[in-house]
Amino acid sequence: MSNPDQPAQESPLNLAAQVEALLFVAPESVTAAQLARALEVPQKQVEATLKELAASYARRGIRLQTYKGGYRLVSAPEAAALIEHFLGLEAATPLTRAALEVLAIIAYQQPVTRPQVDAIRGVNSDSVMKSLLSKGLIEEVGRAEGPGRPILYSTTVEFLSHFGLQSIRELPPLDLDAILQTQEETTILKE
């Protein structure tokens, strides 16, 4: 049994290999601070190592995913079809247009309430949001201040994995002019 007051044993592995091993066995995302404590090294050193690992994984079959300050190892999005075939998984049911609309609103506005999503879409989004919750693509993250204290929703790590993103910062910039133009063209076509 180890004594928490004694330093960890000297490892024959370099810091990158140690961080990689911990990420591999972690059941969920871990922070740089958690890794630094476990390895008994400065957090800045772990953060630099994480950047190096992310760069080296860019050309390989795994990626270092970052979400809300946590890190985890995931398979490369480009390998999805190969992995599905290898594991004998059926292709996932594609998301509906309504689900994609709601996900886009939540991803760009998070945290956001269902009434805010409904106001943007112009229709009730309750059933779509229940479906996204059950798929693990969105999650409840708290309650908003104000009347009724509505639930706030945000995207999840599963959302990032589903769309092959390493971080929410990889979302493309929102082009409101193009969106408004598309809405105007749709309205003209309906008339």
C-alpha atoms as a PDB file:
ATOM      1  CA  MET A   1       0.000   0.000   0.000  1.00  0.00           C
ATOM      2  CA  SER A   2       1.434   3.384  -0.925  1.00  0.00           C
ATOM      3  CA  ASN A   3       1.819   6.242   1.491  1.00  0.00           C
ATOM      4  CA  PRO A   4       0.295   9.497   0.176  1.00  0.00           C
ATOM      5  CA  ASP A   5       3.039  11.472   1.955  1.00  0.00           C
ATOM      6  CA  GLN A   6       5.766   9.725  -0.027  1.00  0.00           C
ATOM      7  CA  PRO A   7       6.515  10.707  -3.629  1.00  0.00           C
ATOM      8  CA  ALA A   8       5.443   8.328  -6.395  1.00  0.00           C
ATOM      9  CA  GLN A   9       8.003   5.815  -7.618  1.00  0.00           C
ATOM     10  CA  GLU A  10      10.252   6.893 -10.445  1.00  0.00           C
ATOM     11  CA  SER A  11       8.672   5.663 -13.694  1.00  0.00           C
ATOM     12  CA  PRO A  12      10.680   4.249 -16.584  1.00  0.00           C
ATOM     13  CA  LEU A  13       8.184   5.993 -18.903  1.00  0.00           C
ATOM     14  CA  ASN A  14       8.531   9.598 -20.027  1.00  0.00           C
ATOM     15  CA  LEU A  15       5.824  12.090 -19.046  1.00  0.00           C
ATOM     16  CA  ALA A  16       3.980  11.802 -22.387  1.00  0.00           C
ATOM     17  CA  ALA A  17       3.720   8.017 -21.999  1.00  0.00           C
ATOM     18  CA  GLN A  18       2.527   8.383 -18.403  1.00  0.00           C
ATOM     19  CA  VAL A  19      -0.157  10.930 -19.363  1.00  0.00           C
ATOM     20  CA  GLU A  20      -1.216   8.730 -22.274  1.00  0.00           C
ATOM     21  CA  ALA A  21      -1.547   5.685 -19.990  1.00  0.00           C
ATOM     22  CA  LEU A  22      -3.721   7.600 -17.526  1.00  0.00           C
ATOM     23  CA  LEU A  23      -5.939   8.950 -20.318  1.00  0.00           C
ATOM     24  CA  PHE A  24      -6.297   5.444 -21.725  1.00  0.00           C
ATOM     25  CA  VAL A  25      -7.649   3.994 -18.460  1.00  0.00           C
ATOM     26  CA  ALA A  26      -9.681   7.008 -17.317  1.00  0.00           C
ATOM     27  CA  PRO A  27     -13.410   6.150 -17.322  1.00  0.00           C
ATOM     28  CA  GLU A  28     -14.307   9.752 -18.210  1.00  0.00           C
ATOM     29  CA  SER A  29     -12.678  13.048 -19.117  1.00  0.00           C
ATOM     30  CA  VAL A  30      -9.903  14.204 -16.779  1.00  0.00           C
ATOM     31  CA  THR A  31      -8.453  17.658 -16.235  1.00  0.00           C
ATOM     32  CA  ALA A  32      -4.815  18.669 -16.514  1.00  0.00           C
ATOM     33  CA  ALA A  33      -4.907  19.379 -12.775  1.00  0.00           C
ATOM     34  CA  GLN A  34      -6.046  15.805 -12.024  1.00  0.00           C
ATOM     35  CA  LEU A  35      -3.267  14.414 -14.200  1.00  0.00           C
ATOM     36  CA  ALA A  36      -0.679  16.710 -12.578  1.00  0.00           C
ATOM     37  CA  ARG A  37      -1.743  15.589  -9.087  1.00  0.00           C
ATOM     38  CA  ALA A  38      -1.616  11.909 -10.053  1.00  0.00           C
ATOM     39  CA  LEU A  39       1.813  12.289 -11.660  1.00  0.00           C
ATOM     40  CA  GLU A  40       3.112  14.730  -9.058  1.00  0.00           C
ATOM     41  CA  VAL A  41       4.358  17.213 -11.650  1.00  0.00           C
ATOM     42  CA  PRO A  42       3.466  20.864 -12.315  1.00  0.00           C
ATOM     43  CA  GLN A  43       0.188  21.410 -14.180  1.00  0.00           C
ATOM     44  CA  LYS A  44       1.926  23.578 -16.814  1.00  0.00           C
ATOM     45  CA  GLN A  45       4.161  20.616 -17.660  1.00  0.00           C
ATOM     46  CA  VAL A  46       1.102  18.356 -18.109  1.00  0.00           C
ATOM     47  CA  GLU A  47      -0.626  20.992 -20.274  1.00  0.00           C
ATOM     48  CA  ALA A  48       2.424  21.212 -22.542  1.00  0.00           C
ATOM     49  CA  THR A  49       2.522  17.419 -22.774  1.00  0.00           C
ATOM     50  CA  LEU A  50      -1.185  17.314 -23.673  1.00  0.00           C
ATOM     51  CA  LYS A  51      -0.545  19.753 -26.540  1.00  0.00           C
ATOM     52  CA  GLU A  52       2.298  17.566 -27.795  1.00  0.00           C
ATOM     53  CA  LEU A  53       0.130  14.454 -27.610  1.00  0.00           C
ATOM     54  CA  ALA A  54      -2.743  16.155 -29.461  1.00  0.00           C
ATOM     55  CA  ALA A  55      -0.367  17.161 -32.250  1.00  0.00           C
ATOM     56  CA  SER A  56       1.113  13.665 -32.541  1.00  0.00           C
ATOM     57  CA  TYR A  57      -2.357  12.047 -32.596  1.00  0.00           C
ATOM     58  CA  ALA A  58      -3.483  14.264 -35.508  1.00  0.00           C
ATOM     59  CA  ARG A  59      -1.841  11.803 -37.909  1.00  0.00           C
ATOM     60  CA  ARG A  60      -2.989   8.639 -36.129  1.00  0.00           C
ATOM     61  CA  GLY A  61      -6.106   6.613 -35.393  1.00  0.00           C
ATOM     62  CA  ILE A  62      -6.813   8.258 -32.036  1.00  0.00           C
ATOM     63  CA  ARG A  63      -7.423  11.834 -30.990  1.00  0.00           C
ATOM     64  CA  LEU A  64      -7.187  13.812 -27.770  1.00  0.00           C
ATOM     65  CA  GLN A  65     -10.608  15.344 -27.244  1.00  0.00           C
ATOM     66  CA  THR A  66     -10.989  18.494 -25.130  1.00  0.00           C
ATOM     67  CA  TYR A  67     -14.298  19.487 -23.582  1.00  0.00           C
ATOM     68  CA  LYS A  68     -15.044  21.848 -20.692  1.00  0.00           C
ATOM     69  CA  GLY A  69     -11.476  21.630 -19.422  1.00  0.00           C
ATOM     70  CA  GLY A  70     -11.358  17.822 -19.550  1.00  0.00           C
ATOM     71  CA  TYR A  71      -9.387  15.509 -21.825  1.00  0.00           C
ATOM     72  CA  ARG A  72     -10.049  12.003 -23.099  1.00  0.00           C
ATOM     73  CA  LEU A  73      -8.829   9.670 -25.818  1.00  0.00           C
ATOM     74  CA  VAL A  74     -11.242   8.935 -28.671  1.00  0.00           C
ATOM     75  CA  SER A  75     -10.974   7.220 -32.023  1.00  0.00           C
ATOM     76  CA  ALA A  76     -10.361   9.366 -35.091  1.00  0.00           C
ATOM     77  CA  PRO A  77     -13.645  10.399 -36.764  1.00  0.00           C
ATOM     78  CA  GLU A  78     -12.210   9.291 -40.107  1.00  0.00           C
ATOM     79  CA  ALA A  79     -12.102   5.723 -38.748  1.00  0.00           C
ATOM     80  CA  ALA A  80     -15.820   5.599 -37.829  1.00  0.00           C
ATOM     81  CA  ALA A  81     -16.919   3.398 -40.752  1.00  0.00           C
ATOM     82  CA  LEU A  82     -13.989   1.023 -40.226  1.00  0.00           C
ATOM     83  CA  ILE A  83     -14.739   0.743 -36.488  1.00  0.00           C
ATOM     84  CA  GLU A  84     -18.470   0.178 -37.094  1.00  0.00           C
ATOM     85  CA  HIS A  85     -17.641  -2.604 -39.563  1.00  0.00           C
ATOM     86  CA  PHE A  86     -15.060  -4.195 -37.242  1.00  0.00           C
ATOM     87  CA  LEU A  87     -17.431  -4.156 -34.258  1.00  0.00           C
ATOM     88  CA  GLY A  88     -20.414  -5.274 -36.342  1.00  0.00           C
ATOM     89  CA  LEU A  89     -22.392  -2.178 -35.432  1.00  0.00           C
ATOM     90  CA  GLU A  90     -25.312  -1.059 -37.517  1.00  0.00           C
ATOM     91  CA  ALA A  91     -25.073   2.445 -38.886  1.00  0.00           C
ATOM     92  CA  ALA A  92     -26.577   4.932 -36.478  1.00  0.00           C
ATOM     93  CA  THR A  93     -29.949   6.374 -37.354  1.00  0.00           C
ATOM     94  CA  PRO A  94     -29.371   9.775 -38.918  1.00  0.00           C
ATOM     95  CA  LEU A  95     -30.582  12.783 -36.977  1.00  0.00           C
ATOM     96  CA  THR A  96     -33.712  14.491 -38.263  1.00  0.00           C
ATOM     97  CA  ARG A  97     -33.664  18.039 -39.587  1.00  0.00           C
ATOM     98  CA  ALA A  98     -35.456  19.178 -36.408  1.00  0.00           C
ATOM     99  CA  ALA A  99     -32.838  17.463 -34.219  1.00  0.00           C
ATOM    100  CA  LEU A 100     -30.025  19.104 -36.189  1.00  0.00           C
ATOM    101  CA  GLU A 101     -31.720  22.508 -35.834  1.00  0.00           C
ATOM    102  CA  VAL A 102     -32.044  22.106 -32.072  1.00  0.00           C
ATOM    103  CA  LEU A 103     -28.462  20.841 -31.748  1.00  0.00           C
ATOM    104  CA  ALA A 104     -27.170  23.811 -33.731  1.00  0.00           C
ATOM    105  CA  ILE A 105     -29.076  26.262 -31.553  1.00  0.00           C
ATOM    106  CA  ILE A 106     -27.837  24.643 -28.357  1.00  0.00           C
ATOM    107  CA  ALA A 107     -24.248  24.333 -29.615  1.00  0.00           C
ATOM    108  CA  TYR A 108     -24.007  28.010 -30.564  1.00  0.00           C
ATOM    109  CA  GLN A 109     -26.088  29.488 -27.722  1.00  0.00           C
ATOM    110  CA  GLN A 110     -25.252  27.180 -24.792  1.00  0.00           C
ATOM    111  CA  PRO A 111     -26.315  27.145 -22.106  1.00  0.00           C
ATOM    112  CA  VAL A 112     -29.849  27.718 -23.390  1.00  0.00           C
ATOM    113  CA  THR A 113     -33.398  26.958 -22.205  1.00  0.00           C
ATOM    114  CA  ARG A 114     -36.076  25.078 -24.133  1.00  0.00           C
ATOM    115  CA  PRO A 115     -38.252  28.230 -24.399  1.00  0.00           C
ATOM    116  CA  GLN A 116     -35.276  30.030 -25.977  1.00  0.00           C
ATOM    117  CA  VAL A 117     -34.838  27.171 -28.465  1.00  0.00           C
ATOM    118  CA  ASP A 118     -38.597  27.248 -29.205  1.00  0.00           C
ATOM    119  CA  ALA A 119     -38.463  31.020 -29.783  1.00  0.00           C
ATOM    120  CA  ILE A 120     -35.638  30.662 -32.312  1.00  0.00           C
ATOM    121  CA  ARG A 121     -37.256  27.728 -34.147  1.00  0.00           C
ATOM    122  CA  GLY A 122     -40.817  29.058 -33.937  1.00  0.00           C
ATOM    123  CA  VAL A 123     -42.163  25.630 -32.894  1.00  0.00           C
ATOM    124  CA  ASN A 124     -42.277  23.449 -29.784  1.00  0.00           C
ATOM    125  CA  SER A 125     -39.016  21.516 -29.381  1.00  0.00           C
ATOM    126  CA  ASP A 126     -39.947  19.384 -26.364  1.00  0.00           C
ATOM    127  CA  SER A 127     -39.995  15.970 -28.085  1.00  0.00           C
ATOM    128  CA  VAL A 128     -36.847  16.714 -30.098  1.00  0.00           C
ATOM    129  CA  MET A 129     -34.979  17.731 -26.946  1.00  0.00           C
ATOM    130  CA  LYS A 130     -36.152  14.583 -25.130  1.00  0.00           C
ATOM    131  CA  SER A 131     -34.766  12.529 -28.015  1.00  0.00           C
ATOM    132  CA  LEU A 132     -31.432  14.388 -27.937  1.00  0.00           C
ATOM    133  CA  LEU A 133     -31.243  13.899 -24.161  1.00  0.00           C
ATOM    134  CA  SER A 134     -31.857  10.155 -24.537  1.00  0.00           C
ATOM    135  CA  LYS A 135     -29.109   9.949 -27.185  1.00  0.00           C
ATOM    136  CA  GLY A 136     -26.723  11.755 -24.809  1.00  0.00           C
ATOM    137  CA  LEU A 137     -26.071  14.609 -27.264  1.00  0.00           C
ATOM    138  CA  ILE A 138     -27.348  17.290 -24.868  1.00  0.00           C
ATOM    139  CA  GLU A 139     -27.551  17.491 -21.090  1.00  0.00           C
ATOM    140  CA  GLU A 140     -29.146  19.550 -18.347  1.00  0.00           C
ATOM    141  CA  VAL A 141     -26.539  21.885 -16.857  1.00  0.00           C
ATOM    142  CA  GLY A 142     -28.535  23.945 -14.381  1.00  0.00           C
ATOM    143  CA  ARG A 143     -31.432  26.335 -14.118  1.00  0.00           C
ATOM    144  CA  ALA A 144     -31.832  29.858 -15.456  1.00  0.00           C
ATOM    145  CA  GLU A 145     -32.711  32.757 -13.224  1.00  0.00           C
ATOM    146  CA  GLY A 146     -36.196  34.128 -13.805  1.00  0.00           C
ATOM    147  CA  PRO A 147     -39.799  32.978 -13.741  1.00  0.00           C
ATOM    148  CA  GLY A 148     -40.153  29.228 -13.476  1.00  0.00           C
ATOM    149  CA  ARG A 149     -36.347  28.783 -13.412  1.00  0.00           C
ATOM    150  CA  PRO A 150     -36.270  26.847 -16.704  1.00  0.00           C
ATOM    151  CA  ILE A 151     -33.674  24.128 -17.258  1.00  0.00           C
ATOM    152  CA  LEU A 152     -30.478  25.099 -19.089  1.00  0.00           C
ATOM    153  CA  TYR A 153     -29.145  22.727 -21.750  1.00  0.00           C
ATOM    154  CA  SER A 154     -25.675  22.289 -23.198  1.00  0.00           C
ATOM    155  CA  THR A 155     -24.008  19.880 -25.607  1.00  0.00           C
ATOM    156  CA  THR A 156     -22.051  16.869 -24.322  1.00  0.00           C
ATOM    157  CA  VAL A 157     -18.809  15.061 -25.015  1.00  0.00           C
ATOM    158  CA  GLU A 158     -20.946  12.565 -26.982  1.00  0.00           C
ATOM    159  CA  PHE A 159     -22.030  15.490 -29.210  1.00  0.00           C
ATOM    160  CA  LEU A 160     -18.367  16.190 -29.976  1.00  0.00           C
ATOM    161  CA  SER A 161     -17.693  12.525 -30.710  1.00  0.00           C
ATOM    162  CA  HIS A 162     -20.786  12.232 -32.920  1.00  0.00           C
ATOM    163  CA  PHE A 163     -19.658  15.137 -35.094  1.00  0.00           C
ATOM    164  CA  GLY A 164     -15.934  14.347 -34.983  1.00  0.00           C
ATOM    165  CA  LEU A 165     -14.992  17.492 -33.080  1.00  0.00           C
ATOM    166  CA  GLN A 166     -12.147  17.760 -30.593  1.00  0.00           C
ATOM    167  CA  SER A 167     -13.604  20.881 -28.962  1.00  0.00           C
ATOM    168  CA  ILE A 168     -16.672  23.105 -29.226  1.00  0.00           C
ATOM    169  CA  ARG A 169     -14.297  25.777 -30.588  1.00  0.00           C
ATOM    170  CA  GLU A 170     -14.059  23.749 -33.813  1.00  0.00           C
ATOM    171  CA  LEU A 171     -17.651  24.609 -34.749  1.00  0.00           C
ATOM    172  CA  PRO A 172     -17.691  26.689 -37.928  1.00  0.00           C
ATOM    173  CA  PRO A 173     -18.426  30.391 -37.463  1.00  0.00           C
ATOM    174  CA  LEU A 174     -22.101  31.264 -37.591  1.00  0.00           C
ATOM    175  CA  ASP A 175     -22.937  33.089 -40.852  1.00  0.00           C
ATOM    176  CA  LEU A 176     -26.159  34.940 -40.028  1.00  0.00           C
ATOM    177  CA  ASP A 177     -26.334  36.666 -43.424  1.00  0.00           C
ATOM    178  CA  ALA A 178     -26.415  33.301 -45.233  1.00  0.00           C
ATOM    179  CA  ILE A 179     -29.062  31.985 -42.832  1.00  0.00           C
ATOM    180  CA  LEU A 180     -31.288  35.042 -43.338  1.00  0.00           C
ATOM    181  CA  GLN A 181     -30.883  34.835 -47.111  1.00  0.00           C
ATOM    182  CA  THR A 182     -31.871  31.145 -47.094  1.00  0.00           C
ATOM    183  CA  GLN A 183     -34.941  31.933 -44.973  1.00  0.00           C
ATOM    184  CA  GLU A 184     -35.968  34.728 -47.364  1.00  0.00           C
ATOM    185  CA  GLU A 185     -35.558  32.429 -50.387  1.00  0.00           C
ATOM    186  CA  THR A 186     -37.619  29.709 -48.676  1.00  0.00           C
ATOM    187  CA  THR A 187     -40.372  32.216 -47.890  1.00  0.00           C
ATOM    188  CA  ILE A 188     -40.469  33.441 -51.523  1.00  0.00           C
ATOM    189  CA  LEU A 189     -40.672  29.839 -52.812  1.00  0.00           C
ATOM    190  CA  LYS A 190     -43.619  29.070 -50.493  1.00  0.00           C
ATOM    191  CA  GLU A 191     -45.591  32.099 -51.705  1.00  0.00           C
END
